[in-house]
Structures are given as structure tokens and as C-alpha cells.
Amino acid sequence: MSLDHTDRQAHWQAVYARKDPAAVSWYRPHLEVSLALLEAAGLSTGARLIDVGAGAATLVDDLLERGLREVTVLDVSGQALAIARARLGPRAAQVHWLEQDVLGAALPIGGFEFWHDRAVLHFLTDLADAARYVQVCAAALVAGGHALIGGFAPDGPERCSGLPVVRRSSEQIAALFSPAFSLVRTHAERHRTPSGAEQSFAYALLRRG
């Protein structure tokens, strides 16, 4: 069963309080796969993008470097967001920061053209929570907008950060989002963790109908 909001917040606050953000297993200096897939979907400097469960990841840095002006970063952990804001320095003022749980987030209807999630959905092991996630995503995206969802592939780890996950192929991710979304592109990644282990990720680039 998925953690509830209070437990999720407490868990991720503790993770980012005790660990160097560059030492967590999901860390990459740059999210090259995400950037390539977003750009393939037509990402432009004027696009409104939300990075869900961003933690302290550097995607926001690279998006600002590419000239994006409407970037929203959402995470349940204020500790993670504080790390990202401190790293960005004055540039943090260019970003919209939301300390919220995605399942209960107050997002504008049709407020975004792009939704990015690398390794959040796979923590929602309760089917009702996963369905709610899809509803939130669909409502937040404009028609024709794109969602890029990445998580552990079927041959990936069964747990992460002490929590169970749901492993899915790109096609299984797409099936979860159907019929509101159609599958545009798939991608497989062998992610090497800071400790040197390999983890298998699957990505689905989806288009909102």
C-alpha cells in the first residue's frame, strides 16, 4: 500500500535531511534522457513545464540554461526544494516552487504543456493512488500536451529508498494513462547509481488527447 500524505512527507524530509543529494541512488548530474525526450516532443522556451517529485534534481537548472521561463518544481519535501533553491541561487526566483503532494496538489486546469516525472509514479503502489495521479496529470495538461513518465522497468529494483515500487514497461505506463493519453515514444535506460550499481528504467512519452 502507498504511504499516505503525512508518511510520504515525513519519509522524504528525512531522506533529504540525512543524505547528500549527489549520493542518493537516483542522482544523475544531468537528466540527459529526460531532456532529449522533452526536446523531441517540442519543448520550447515559452513552454509551461512542471517537474513533479523533482526533489533536488538538476533538471530545473538545465531547463533554465535552455531559456525556459515558465518552470514549476513540485515536491512533497520542503527540504529537497530548499536544496535546489540554494543551488540555483538568484536564479531560483525564476522558478515556481510548490511544496505539495502531487495527489492533492492544487494545480491550474490546463496549466501546463509538459509534465515530467522521473521516479515518482512508481512509488504509488496502491491502484487508487495511481489512478488519482493520472487524473491530476490529465487535468493539469492542455490538450496536445505531453507527459514524460519514467520509473523502474520490469527488470529494475523492487524497492527504492526503503520503499516498495511498482515496476512497469513503457507500454504498461501508457496503458495506465489510457485513454486520456496516447503513447508517442518509449525509451529504456541503464542508470548507474553513485555507488556503481545499475538500475533499469523505462520511459513513456505520452500525448494528452
N, C-alpha and C. Protein backbone atom coordinates (compact mmCIF):
# COMPACT_ATOMS: atom_id res chain seq x y z
N MET A 1 0.84 -1.19 0.00
CA MET A 1 0.00 0.00 0.00
C MET A 1 0.88 1.25 0.00
N SER A 2 0.49 2.25 -0.75
CA SER A 2 1.24 3.50 -0.80
C SER A 2 1.19 4.19 0.56
N LEU A 3 2.24 4.94 0.87
CA LEU A 3 2.21 5.78 2.05
C LEU A 3 1.16 6.87 1.87
N ASP A 4 0.55 7.32 2.98
CA ASP A 4 -0.36 8.45 2.88
C ASP A 4 0.46 9.74 2.86
N HIS A 5 -0.23 10.88 2.68
CA HIS A 5 0.48 12.14 2.51
C HIS A 5 1.45 12.43 3.65
N THR A 6 0.98 12.27 4.89
CA THR A 6 1.83 12.59 6.05
C THR A 6 3.06 11.71 6.08
N ASP A 7 2.88 10.43 5.82
CA ASP A 7 4.01 9.50 5.83
C ASP A 7 4.97 9.78 4.68
N ARG A 8 4.42 10.11 3.49
CA ARG A 8 5.29 10.44 2.36
C ARG A 8 6.14 11.65 2.67
N GLN A 9 5.51 12.66 3.21
CA GLN A 9 6.25 13.89 3.52
C GLN A 9 7.34 13.61 4.55
N ALA A 10 7.01 12.90 5.61
CA ALA A 10 8.00 12.60 6.65
C ALA A 10 9.15 11.77 6.09
N HIS A 11 8.82 10.79 5.26
CA HIS A 11 9.86 9.93 4.69
C HIS A 11 10.85 10.74 3.87
N TRP A 12 10.35 11.56 2.94
CA TRP A 12 11.24 12.28 2.04
C TRP A 12 11.93 13.46 2.72
N GLN A 13 11.31 14.03 3.72
CA GLN A 13 12.01 15.04 4.50
C GLN A 13 13.24 14.42 5.17
N ALA A 14 13.06 13.23 5.72
CA ALA A 14 14.17 12.55 6.41
C ALA A 14 15.27 12.16 5.43
N VAL A 15 14.89 11.68 4.24
CA VAL A 15 15.89 11.29 3.24
C VAL A 15 16.79 12.47 2.90
N TYR A 16 16.18 13.61 2.60
CA TYR A 16 16.98 14.76 2.16
C TYR A 16 17.67 15.47 3.33
N ALA A 17 17.24 15.19 4.55
CA ALA A 17 17.92 15.77 5.70
C ALA A 17 19.20 15.01 6.03
N ARG A 18 19.22 13.70 5.72
CA ARG A 18 20.36 12.89 6.15
C ARG A 18 21.33 12.52 5.03
N LYS A 19 20.91 12.72 3.76
CA LYS A 19 21.76 12.28 2.65
C LYS A 19 22.18 13.45 1.78
N ASP A 20 23.42 13.37 1.31
CA ASP A 20 23.88 14.30 0.29
C ASP A 20 23.05 14.05 -0.97
N PRO A 21 22.48 15.10 -1.59
CA PRO A 21 21.65 14.87 -2.77
C PRO A 21 22.39 14.21 -3.93
N ALA A 22 23.72 14.31 -3.95
CA ALA A 22 24.50 13.66 -5.01
C ALA A 22 24.83 12.21 -4.67
N ALA A 23 24.37 11.74 -3.50
CA ALA A 23 24.66 10.36 -3.08
C ALA A 23 23.45 9.45 -3.16
N VAL A 24 22.26 10.01 -3.38
CA VAL A 24 21.07 9.16 -3.47
C VAL A 24 21.12 8.33 -4.75
N SER A 25 20.47 7.18 -4.74
CA SER A 25 20.64 6.22 -5.83
C SER A 25 20.15 6.75 -7.17
N TRP A 26 19.17 7.64 -7.17
CA TRP A 26 18.59 8.13 -8.42
C TRP A 26 19.33 9.34 -9.00
N TYR A 27 20.38 9.79 -8.32
CA TYR A 27 21.08 11.00 -8.76
C TYR A 27 21.79 10.82 -10.09
N ARG A 28 21.66 11.83 -10.94
CA ARG A 28 22.48 11.99 -12.14
C ARG A 28 22.84 13.47 -12.22
N PRO A 29 24.09 13.78 -12.65
CA PRO A 29 24.46 15.19 -12.78
C PRO A 29 23.51 15.95 -13.71
N HIS A 30 23.05 15.26 -14.77
CA HIS A 30 22.10 15.83 -15.72
C HIS A 30 21.15 14.72 -16.15
N LEU A 31 19.87 15.05 -16.29
CA LEU A 31 18.89 14.05 -16.73
C LEU A 31 18.84 14.06 -18.26
N GLU A 32 19.86 13.46 -18.86
CA GLU A 32 20.03 13.53 -20.31
C GLU A 32 18.85 12.90 -21.07
N VAL A 33 18.36 11.77 -20.57
CA VAL A 33 17.25 11.10 -21.25
C VAL A 33 16.01 11.99 -21.22
N SER A 34 15.70 12.53 -20.07
CA SER A 34 14.53 13.40 -19.95
C SER A 34 14.64 14.60 -20.87
N LEU A 35 15.79 15.23 -20.88
CA LEU A 35 15.98 16.42 -21.71
C LEU A 35 15.81 16.07 -23.20
N ALA A 36 16.37 14.95 -23.63
CA ALA A 36 16.27 14.56 -25.03
C ALA A 36 14.82 14.27 -25.43
N LEU A 37 14.09 13.57 -24.58
CA LEU A 37 12.71 13.23 -24.89
C LEU A 37 11.81 14.46 -24.86
N LEU A 38 12.04 15.34 -23.91
CA LEU A 38 11.25 16.58 -23.86
C LEU A 38 11.49 17.43 -25.10
N GLU A 39 12.74 17.51 -25.50
CA GLU A 39 13.06 18.31 -26.69
C GLU A 39 12.48 17.66 -27.94
N ALA A 40 12.46 16.33 -28.00
CA ALA A 40 11.86 15.63 -29.14
C ALA A 40 10.36 15.90 -29.22
N ALA A 41 9.76 16.18 -28.06
CA ALA A 41 8.32 16.46 -28.02
C ALA A 41 8.00 17.92 -28.34
N GLY A 42 9.03 18.72 -28.59
CA GLY A 42 8.80 20.10 -28.99
C GLY A 42 8.96 21.13 -27.89
N LEU A 43 9.69 20.79 -26.84
CA LEU A 43 9.91 21.74 -25.75
C LEU A 43 10.50 23.04 -26.28
N SER A 44 9.91 24.15 -25.88
CA SER A 44 10.38 25.46 -26.32
C SER A 44 10.57 26.37 -25.11
N THR A 45 11.21 27.49 -25.33
CA THR A 45 11.49 28.40 -24.21
C THR A 45 10.23 28.96 -23.58
N GLY A 46 9.16 29.03 -24.33
CA GLY A 46 7.91 29.57 -23.79
C GLY A 46 7.00 28.53 -23.19
N ALA A 47 7.41 27.25 -23.19
CA ALA A 47 6.56 26.17 -22.70
C ALA A 47 6.40 26.24 -21.19
N ARG A 48 5.20 25.89 -20.73
CA ARG A 48 4.93 25.78 -19.29
C ARG A 48 5.15 24.32 -18.89
N LEU A 49 6.12 24.09 -18.04
CA LEU A 49 6.51 22.73 -17.65
C LEU A 49 6.47 22.58 -16.15
N ILE A 50 5.98 21.43 -15.69
CA ILE A 50 6.03 21.10 -14.27
C ILE A 50 6.85 19.83 -14.08
N ASP A 51 7.80 19.88 -13.16
CA ASP A 51 8.63 18.74 -12.80
C ASP A 51 8.11 18.21 -11.47
N VAL A 52 7.45 17.06 -11.52
CA VAL A 52 6.73 16.51 -10.37
C VAL A 52 7.65 15.58 -9.58
N GLY A 53 7.68 15.78 -8.27
CA GLY A 53 8.57 14.97 -7.44
C GLY A 53 10.02 15.21 -7.79
N ALA A 54 10.33 16.46 -8.07
CA ALA A 54 11.65 16.81 -8.58
C ALA A 54 12.76 16.60 -7.56
N GLY A 55 12.42 16.66 -6.28
CA GLY A 55 13.45 16.56 -5.27
C GLY A 55 14.49 17.65 -5.46
N ALA A 56 15.75 17.25 -5.38
CA ALA A 56 16.85 18.21 -5.58
C ALA A 56 17.50 18.01 -6.95
N ALA A 57 16.78 17.38 -7.89
CA ALA A 57 17.34 17.07 -9.21
C ALA A 57 17.71 18.32 -9.98
N THR A 58 18.62 18.16 -10.92
CA THR A 58 19.18 19.30 -11.66
C THR A 58 18.44 19.59 -12.96
N LEU A 59 17.30 18.94 -13.21
CA LEU A 59 16.58 19.24 -14.44
C LEU A 59 16.22 20.71 -14.52
N VAL A 60 15.82 21.28 -13.40
CA VAL A 60 15.44 22.70 -13.40
C VAL A 60 16.61 23.58 -13.82
N ASP A 61 17.81 23.25 -13.39
CA ASP A 61 19.00 24.02 -13.78
C ASP A 61 19.16 24.01 -15.30
N ASP A 62 19.04 22.81 -15.88
CA ASP A 62 19.25 22.68 -17.32
C ASP A 62 18.12 23.32 -18.12
N LEU A 63 16.92 23.30 -17.59
CA LEU A 63 15.81 23.98 -18.28
C LEU A 63 16.02 25.49 -18.30
N LEU A 64 16.48 26.03 -17.18
CA LEU A 64 16.76 27.47 -17.14
C LEU A 64 17.90 27.81 -18.10
N GLU A 65 18.90 26.95 -18.17
CA GLU A 65 20.01 27.17 -19.10
C GLU A 65 19.52 27.19 -20.54
N ARG A 66 18.46 26.44 -20.82
CA ARG A 66 17.89 26.41 -22.17
C ARG A 66 16.93 27.56 -22.42
N GLY A 67 16.74 28.41 -21.43
CA GLY A 67 15.94 29.61 -21.62
C GLY A 67 14.48 29.49 -21.28
N LEU A 68 14.06 28.38 -20.65
CA LEU A 68 12.65 28.26 -20.28
C LEU A 68 12.30 29.30 -19.20
N ARG A 69 11.11 29.86 -19.34
CA ARG A 69 10.70 30.94 -18.46
C ARG A 69 9.53 30.57 -17.55
N GLU A 70 8.90 29.40 -17.80
CA GLU A 70 7.73 29.00 -17.02
C GLU A 70 7.93 27.58 -16.50
N VAL A 71 8.81 27.45 -15.50
CA VAL A 71 9.12 26.14 -14.92
C VAL A 71 8.56 26.08 -13.50
N THR A 72 7.81 25.03 -13.22
CA THR A 72 7.28 24.78 -11.88
C THR A 72 7.92 23.51 -11.34
N VAL A 73 8.38 23.57 -10.10
CA VAL A 73 9.01 22.41 -9.45
C VAL A 73 8.15 22.04 -8.24
N LEU A 74 7.67 20.80 -8.23
CA LEU A 74 6.80 20.32 -7.15
C LEU A 74 7.45 19.15 -6.43
N ASP A 75 7.41 19.19 -5.11
CA ASP A 75 7.87 18.06 -4.32
C ASP A 75 7.21 18.10 -2.95
N VAL A 76 6.99 16.94 -2.38
CA VAL A 76 6.38 16.86 -1.06
C VAL A 76 7.36 17.27 0.03
N SER A 77 8.66 17.27 -0.28
CA SER A 77 9.70 17.58 0.70
C SER A 77 10.20 19.02 0.55
N GLY A 78 9.92 19.83 1.54
CA GLY A 78 10.47 21.19 1.54
C GLY A 78 11.98 21.18 1.66
N GLN A 79 12.52 20.15 2.31
CA GLN A 79 13.97 20.02 2.45
C GLN A 79 14.62 19.87 1.08
N ALA A 80 14.02 19.04 0.22
CA ALA A 80 14.56 18.85 -1.13
C ALA A 80 14.49 20.14 -1.93
N LEU A 81 13.37 20.84 -1.84
CA LEU A 81 13.21 22.08 -2.58
C LEU A 81 14.21 23.13 -2.09
N ALA A 82 14.48 23.16 -0.79
CA ALA A 82 15.44 24.12 -0.24
C ALA A 82 16.84 23.88 -0.80
N ILE A 83 17.18 22.61 -0.98
CA ILE A 83 18.49 22.27 -1.54
C ILE A 83 18.59 22.79 -2.98
N ALA A 84 17.54 22.55 -3.76
CA ALA A 84 17.54 23.00 -5.16
C ALA A 84 17.58 24.52 -5.24
N ARG A 85 16.83 25.20 -4.39
CA ARG A 85 16.80 26.66 -4.42
C ARG A 85 18.16 27.24 -4.04
N ALA A 86 18.79 26.64 -3.04
CA ALA A 86 20.12 27.12 -2.63
C ALA A 86 21.13 26.92 -3.75
N ARG A 87 21.04 25.81 -4.45
CA ARG A 87 21.97 25.53 -5.55
C ARG A 87 21.80 26.55 -6.67
N LEU A 88 20.57 26.92 -6.97
CA LEU A 88 20.31 27.86 -8.05
C LEU A 88 20.67 29.30 -7.70
N GLY A 89 20.65 29.61 -6.41
CA GLY A 89 20.97 30.98 -6.02
C GLY A 89 19.94 31.96 -6.55
N PRO A 90 20.37 33.09 -7.09
CA PRO A 90 19.42 34.11 -7.58
C PRO A 90 18.48 33.59 -8.65
N ARG A 91 18.91 32.58 -9.39
CA ARG A 91 18.05 32.04 -10.47
C ARG A 91 16.81 31.35 -9.91
N ALA A 92 16.81 31.00 -8.63
CA ALA A 92 15.65 30.34 -8.03
C ALA A 92 14.40 31.22 -8.12
N ALA A 93 14.58 32.52 -8.20
CA ALA A 93 13.44 33.44 -8.29
C ALA A 93 12.70 33.30 -9.62
N GLN A 94 13.33 32.65 -10.60
CA GLN A 94 12.69 32.45 -11.91
C GLN A 94 11.78 31.23 -11.94
N VAL A 95 11.75 30.47 -10.85
CA VAL A 95 11.04 29.19 -10.81
C VAL A 95 9.85 29.29 -9.87
N HIS A 96 8.76 28.59 -10.21
CA HIS A 96 7.60 28.46 -9.31
C HIS A 96 7.82 27.20 -8.45
N TRP A 97 7.85 27.37 -7.15
CA TRP A 97 8.13 26.25 -6.24
C TRP A 97 6.86 25.85 -5.50
N LEU A 98 6.54 24.57 -5.51
CA LEU A 98 5.35 24.06 -4.84
C LEU A 98 5.72 22.93 -3.88
N GLU A 99 5.57 23.14 -2.59
CA GLU A 99 5.77 22.08 -1.61
C GLU A 99 4.42 21.42 -1.37
N GLN A 100 4.13 20.43 -2.20
CA GLN A 100 2.83 19.76 -2.16
C GLN A 100 2.99 18.30 -2.52
N ASP A 101 2.02 17.50 -2.10
CA ASP A 101 1.90 16.12 -2.53
C ASP A 101 1.16 16.14 -3.86
N VAL A 102 1.68 15.48 -4.87
CA VAL A 102 1.08 15.54 -6.19
C VAL A 102 -0.37 15.06 -6.19
N LEU A 103 -0.71 14.11 -5.33
CA LEU A 103 -2.06 13.57 -5.34
C LEU A 103 -3.09 14.59 -4.86
N GLY A 104 -2.65 15.57 -4.09
CA GLY A 104 -3.57 16.59 -3.61
C GLY A 104 -3.19 17.98 -4.06
N ALA A 105 -2.34 18.06 -5.07
CA ALA A 105 -1.81 19.36 -5.49
C ALA A 105 -2.91 20.22 -6.12
N ALA A 106 -2.87 21.51 -5.79
CA ALA A 106 -3.81 22.47 -6.35
C ALA A 106 -3.18 23.07 -7.61
N LEU A 107 -3.30 22.35 -8.72
CA LEU A 107 -2.68 22.78 -9.97
C LEU A 107 -3.74 23.40 -10.88
N PRO A 108 -3.35 24.39 -11.66
CA PRO A 108 -4.32 25.01 -12.57
C PRO A 108 -4.77 24.04 -13.67
N ILE A 109 -6.05 24.06 -13.96
CA ILE A 109 -6.58 23.20 -15.03
C ILE A 109 -5.98 23.65 -16.37
N GLY A 110 -5.38 22.71 -17.08
CA GLY A 110 -4.74 23.05 -18.35
C GLY A 110 -3.61 24.05 -18.20
N GLY A 111 -2.93 23.99 -17.06
CA GLY A 111 -1.91 24.98 -16.77
C GLY A 111 -0.54 24.71 -17.37
N PHE A 112 -0.36 23.53 -17.97
CA PHE A 112 0.98 23.15 -18.44
C PHE A 112 0.90 22.47 -19.81
N GLU A 113 1.99 22.65 -20.56
CA GLU A 113 2.16 21.90 -21.81
C GLU A 113 2.99 20.64 -21.61
N PHE A 114 3.81 20.63 -20.54
CA PHE A 114 4.69 19.49 -20.29
C PHE A 114 4.64 19.10 -18.82
N TRP A 115 4.60 17.79 -18.60
CA TRP A 115 4.61 17.19 -17.25
C TRP A 115 5.78 16.21 -17.23
N HIS A 116 6.68 16.37 -16.27
CA HIS A 116 7.84 15.48 -16.16
C HIS A 116 7.85 14.77 -14.82
N ASP A 117 8.05 13.48 -14.86
CA ASP A 117 8.13 12.67 -13.64
C ASP A 117 9.15 11.57 -13.86
N ARG A 118 10.27 11.68 -13.17
CA ARG A 118 11.26 10.60 -13.17
C ARG A 118 11.24 9.98 -11.78
N ALA A 119 10.54 8.84 -11.66
CA ALA A 119 10.57 8.02 -10.45
C ALA A 119 9.71 8.55 -9.31
N VAL A 120 8.51 9.03 -9.62
CA VAL A 120 7.53 9.33 -8.58
C VAL A 120 6.37 8.34 -8.66
N LEU A 121 5.80 8.20 -9.85
CA LEU A 121 4.65 7.32 -10.02
C LEU A 121 4.94 5.91 -9.51
N HIS A 122 6.16 5.44 -9.71
CA HIS A 122 6.41 4.04 -9.33
C HIS A 122 6.34 3.80 -7.82
N PHE A 123 6.34 4.85 -7.02
CA PHE A 123 6.16 4.70 -5.57
C PHE A 123 4.69 4.55 -5.18
N LEU A 124 3.77 4.83 -6.08
CA LEU A 124 2.34 4.76 -5.77
C LEU A 124 1.87 3.33 -6.03
N THR A 125 2.02 2.49 -5.03
CA THR A 125 1.75 1.07 -5.18
C THR A 125 0.26 0.75 -5.03
N ASP A 126 -0.52 1.67 -4.52
CA ASP A 126 -1.97 1.50 -4.41
C ASP A 126 -2.61 1.90 -5.74
N LEU A 127 -3.47 1.05 -6.29
CA LEU A 127 -4.08 1.32 -7.59
C LEU A 127 -4.90 2.60 -7.58
N ALA A 128 -5.56 2.88 -6.48
CA ALA A 128 -6.36 4.10 -6.39
C ALA A 128 -5.48 5.34 -6.43
N ASP A 129 -4.32 5.26 -5.81
CA ASP A 129 -3.38 6.39 -5.84
C ASP A 129 -2.84 6.60 -7.25
N ALA A 130 -2.52 5.50 -7.94
CA ALA A 130 -2.02 5.62 -9.31
C ALA A 130 -3.09 6.22 -10.22
N ALA A 131 -4.34 5.81 -10.04
CA ALA A 131 -5.43 6.35 -10.85
C ALA A 131 -5.62 7.83 -10.56
N ARG A 132 -5.51 8.20 -9.30
CA ARG A 132 -5.62 9.62 -8.93
C ARG A 132 -4.50 10.43 -9.57
N TYR A 133 -3.32 9.88 -9.59
CA TYR A 133 -2.17 10.54 -10.21
C TYR A 133 -2.47 10.84 -11.68
N VAL A 134 -3.00 9.86 -12.40
CA VAL A 134 -3.32 10.05 -13.81
C VAL A 134 -4.36 11.15 -13.97
N GLN A 135 -5.36 11.19 -13.10
CA GLN A 135 -6.38 12.23 -13.15
C GLN A 135 -5.78 13.62 -12.96
N VAL A 136 -4.89 13.74 -11.99
CA VAL A 136 -4.25 15.04 -11.72
C VAL A 136 -3.43 15.48 -12.93
N CYS A 137 -2.67 14.54 -13.49
CA CYS A 137 -1.84 14.85 -14.66
C CYS A 137 -2.70 15.28 -15.84
N ALA A 138 -3.76 14.52 -16.11
CA ALA A 138 -4.63 14.82 -17.25
C ALA A 138 -5.28 16.19 -17.10
N ALA A 139 -5.70 16.53 -15.90
CA ALA A 139 -6.35 17.82 -15.67
C ALA A 139 -5.37 18.98 -15.81
N ALA A 140 -4.12 18.76 -15.44
CA ALA A 140 -3.14 19.84 -15.43
C ALA A 140 -2.59 20.14 -16.82
N LEU A 141 -2.69 19.17 -17.75
CA LEU A 141 -2.13 19.35 -19.08
C LEU A 141 -3.17 19.85 -20.07
N VAL A 142 -2.74 20.70 -20.98
CA VAL A 142 -3.59 21.14 -22.08
C VAL A 142 -3.76 19.98 -23.07
N ALA A 143 -4.82 20.04 -23.88
CA ALA A 143 -4.97 19.07 -24.96
C ALA A 143 -3.77 19.19 -25.89
N GLY A 144 -3.19 18.07 -26.24
CA GLY A 144 -1.99 18.07 -27.06
C GLY A 144 -0.71 18.20 -26.28
N GLY A 145 -0.81 18.39 -24.96
CA GLY A 145 0.38 18.47 -24.12
C GLY A 145 1.01 17.10 -23.92
N HIS A 146 2.21 17.09 -23.38
CA HIS A 146 2.97 15.85 -23.23
C HIS A 146 3.33 15.56 -21.77
N ALA A 147 3.22 14.30 -21.40
CA ALA A 147 3.69 13.81 -20.10
C ALA A 147 4.84 12.84 -20.35
N LEU A 148 5.94 13.06 -19.67
CA LEU A 148 7.07 12.15 -19.73
C LEU A 148 7.19 11.46 -18.38
N ILE A 149 6.94 10.16 -18.37
CA ILE A 149 6.92 9.38 -17.14
C ILE A 149 8.04 8.36 -17.18
N GLY A 150 8.90 8.38 -16.18
CA GLY A 150 9.97 7.40 -16.07
C GLY A 150 9.94 6.71 -14.72
N GLY A 151 10.24 5.42 -14.71
CA GLY A 151 10.27 4.66 -13.47
C GLY A 151 11.01 3.35 -13.68
N PHE A 152 11.08 2.55 -12.64
CA PHE A 152 11.79 1.28 -12.75
C PHE A 152 11.09 0.35 -13.73
N ALA A 153 11.88 -0.22 -14.62
CA ALA A 153 11.40 -1.18 -15.61
C ALA A 153 11.14 -2.53 -14.94
N PRO A 154 10.50 -3.47 -15.66
CA PRO A 154 10.21 -4.78 -15.07
C PRO A 154 11.42 -5.51 -14.52
N ASP A 155 12.62 -5.26 -15.06
CA ASP A 155 13.83 -5.88 -14.52
C ASP A 155 14.60 -4.94 -13.60
N GLY A 156 13.94 -3.87 -13.15
CA GLY A 156 14.58 -2.93 -12.23
C GLY A 156 14.41 -3.36 -10.78
N PRO A 157 14.90 -2.55 -9.84
CA PRO A 157 14.80 -2.88 -8.42
C PRO A 157 13.36 -2.98 -7.96
N GLU A 158 13.13 -3.77 -6.92
CA GLU A 158 11.80 -3.91 -6.35
C GLU A 158 11.53 -2.88 -5.26
N ARG A 159 12.61 -2.25 -4.78
CA ARG A 159 12.46 -1.24 -3.73
C ARG A 159 13.42 -0.09 -4.02
N CYS A 160 13.10 1.06 -3.45
CA CYS A 160 13.97 2.23 -3.56
C CYS A 160 13.80 3.08 -2.32
N SER A 161 14.88 3.53 -1.76
CA SER A 161 14.84 4.35 -0.55
C SER A 161 14.02 3.70 0.56
N GLY A 162 14.10 2.36 0.64
CA GLY A 162 13.41 1.63 1.69
C GLY A 162 11.94 1.39 1.42
N LEU A 163 11.44 1.80 0.25
CA LEU A 163 10.01 1.68 -0.07
C LEU A 163 9.80 0.72 -1.24
N PRO A 164 8.68 -0.01 -1.26
CA PRO A 164 8.37 -0.84 -2.43
C PRO A 164 7.96 0.03 -3.61
N VAL A 165 8.18 -0.46 -4.81
CA VAL A 165 7.79 0.26 -6.02
C VAL A 165 7.01 -0.68 -6.93
N VAL A 166 6.34 -0.08 -7.92
CA VAL A 166 5.69 -0.84 -8.98
C VAL A 166 6.57 -0.72 -10.22
N ARG A 167 7.02 -1.84 -10.75
CA ARG A 167 7.87 -1.84 -11.94
C ARG A 167 6.99 -1.99 -13.18
N ARG A 168 7.24 -1.13 -14.18
CA ARG A 168 6.41 -1.15 -15.38
C ARG A 168 7.28 -0.95 -16.62
N SER A 169 6.85 -1.56 -17.72
CA SER A 169 7.44 -1.25 -19.02
C SER A 169 6.85 0.06 -19.52
N SER A 170 7.43 0.60 -20.58
CA SER A 170 6.89 1.82 -21.17
C SER A 170 5.45 1.60 -21.60
N GLU A 171 5.16 0.44 -22.15
CA GLU A 171 3.81 0.13 -22.63
C GLU A 171 2.83 0.01 -21.46
N GLN A 172 3.30 -0.51 -20.34
CA GLN A 172 2.43 -0.61 -19.17
C GLN A 172 2.14 0.77 -18.57
N ILE A 173 3.12 1.65 -18.62
CA ILE A 173 2.87 3.03 -18.20
C ILE A 173 1.80 3.64 -19.09
N ALA A 174 1.95 3.46 -20.40
CA ALA A 174 0.98 4.01 -21.35
C ALA A 174 -0.42 3.45 -21.11
N ALA A 175 -0.51 2.17 -20.79
CA ALA A 175 -1.81 1.55 -20.54
C ALA A 175 -2.49 2.18 -19.33
N LEU A 176 -1.70 2.51 -18.32
CA LEU A 176 -2.24 3.14 -17.12
C LEU A 176 -2.85 4.50 -17.45
N PHE A 177 -2.27 5.21 -18.42
CA PHE A 177 -2.71 6.56 -18.76
C PHE A 177 -3.78 6.57 -19.86
N SER A 178 -4.05 5.43 -20.44
CA SER A 178 -5.07 5.33 -21.50
C SER A 178 -6.47 5.40 -20.86
N PRO A 179 -7.47 5.99 -21.55
CA PRO A 179 -7.45 6.50 -22.92
C PRO A 179 -7.17 8.00 -23.02
N ALA A 180 -6.92 8.67 -21.91
CA ALA A 180 -6.70 10.12 -21.97
C ALA A 180 -5.42 10.48 -22.70
N PHE A 181 -4.46 9.54 -22.72
CA PHE A 181 -3.16 9.78 -23.33
C PHE A 181 -2.86 8.69 -24.35
N SER A 182 -2.08 9.04 -25.36
CA SER A 182 -1.57 8.06 -26.31
C SER A 182 -0.05 8.01 -26.22
N LEU A 183 0.52 6.85 -26.50
CA LEU A 183 1.96 6.66 -26.41
C LEU A 183 2.63 7.20 -27.67
N VAL A 184 3.60 8.08 -27.46
CA VAL A 184 4.33 8.70 -28.56
C VAL A 184 5.68 8.02 -28.77
N ARG A 185 6.35 7.72 -27.66
CA ARG A 185 7.73 7.21 -27.76
C ARG A 185 8.10 6.47 -26.49
N THR A 186 8.94 5.46 -26.62
CA THR A 186 9.45 4.72 -25.47
C THR A 186 10.96 4.86 -25.39
N HIS A 187 11.49 4.60 -24.22
CA HIS A 187 12.95 4.63 -24.06
C HIS A 187 13.33 3.77 -22.87
N ALA A 188 14.43 3.04 -23.01
CA ALA A 188 14.99 2.24 -21.92
C ALA A 188 16.33 2.83 -21.51
N GLU A 189 16.58 2.87 -20.22
CA GLU A 189 17.82 3.45 -19.69
C GLU A 189 18.44 2.52 -18.67
N ARG A 190 19.76 2.37 -18.74
CA ARG A 190 20.51 1.69 -17.69
C ARG A 190 21.20 2.76 -16.86
N HIS A 191 20.58 3.09 -15.76
CA HIS A 191 21.09 4.14 -14.89
C HIS A 191 22.14 3.57 -13.94
N ARG A 192 23.28 4.24 -13.87
CA ARG A 192 24.32 3.85 -12.93
C ARG A 192 24.23 4.75 -11.71
N THR A 193 24.05 4.15 -10.55
CA THR A 193 23.92 4.91 -9.31
C THR A 193 25.28 5.44 -8.87
N PRO A 194 25.30 6.42 -7.96
CA PRO A 194 26.59 6.91 -7.45
C PRO A 194 27.47 5.82 -6.85
N SER A 195 26.85 4.74 -6.35
CA SER A 195 27.64 3.64 -5.77
C SER A 195 28.12 2.66 -6.82
N GLY A 196 27.69 2.84 -8.09
CA GLY A 196 28.16 1.98 -9.17
C GLY A 196 27.21 0.89 -9.59
N ALA A 197 26.08 0.74 -8.90
CA ALA A 197 25.09 -0.27 -9.29
C ALA A 197 24.33 0.19 -10.53
N GLU A 198 23.77 -0.76 -11.28
CA GLU A 198 22.96 -0.43 -12.44
C GLU A 198 21.49 -0.66 -12.14
N GLN A 199 20.65 0.26 -12.61
CA GLN A 199 19.20 0.15 -12.44
C GLN A 199 18.54 0.35 -13.81
N SER A 200 17.54 -0.46 -14.08
CA SER A 200 16.84 -0.40 -15.35
C SER A 200 15.60 0.49 -15.23
N PHE A 201 15.56 1.53 -16.08
CA PHE A 201 14.43 2.45 -16.11
C PHE A 201 13.70 2.31 -17.44
N ALA A 202 12.40 2.56 -17.40
CA ALA A 202 11.58 2.63 -18.62
C ALA A 202 10.88 3.97 -18.65
N TYR A 203 10.85 4.59 -19.84
CA TYR A 203 10.21 5.88 -20.01
C TYR A 203 9.10 5.77 -21.05
N ALA A 204 8.03 6.52 -20.81
CA ALA A 204 6.95 6.65 -21.78
C ALA A 204 6.69 8.14 -22.02
N LEU A 205 6.80 8.55 -23.27
CA LEU A 205 6.42 9.90 -23.65
C LEU A 205 4.98 9.82 -24.17
N LEU A 206 4.08 10.52 -23.51
CA LEU A 206 2.65 10.41 -23.75
C LEU A 206 2.09 11.74 -24.21
N ARG A 207 1.07 11.67 -25.07
CA ARG A 207 0.42 12.88 -25.56
C ARG A 207 -1.02 12.92 -25.04
N ARG A 208 -1.39 14.06 -24.48
CA ARG A 208 -2.74 14.26 -23.95
C ARG A 208 -3.72 14.45 -25.10
N GLY A 209 -4.80 13.68 -25.10
CA GLY A 209 -5.80 13.79 -26.15
C GLY A 209 -6.67 15.05 -26.02
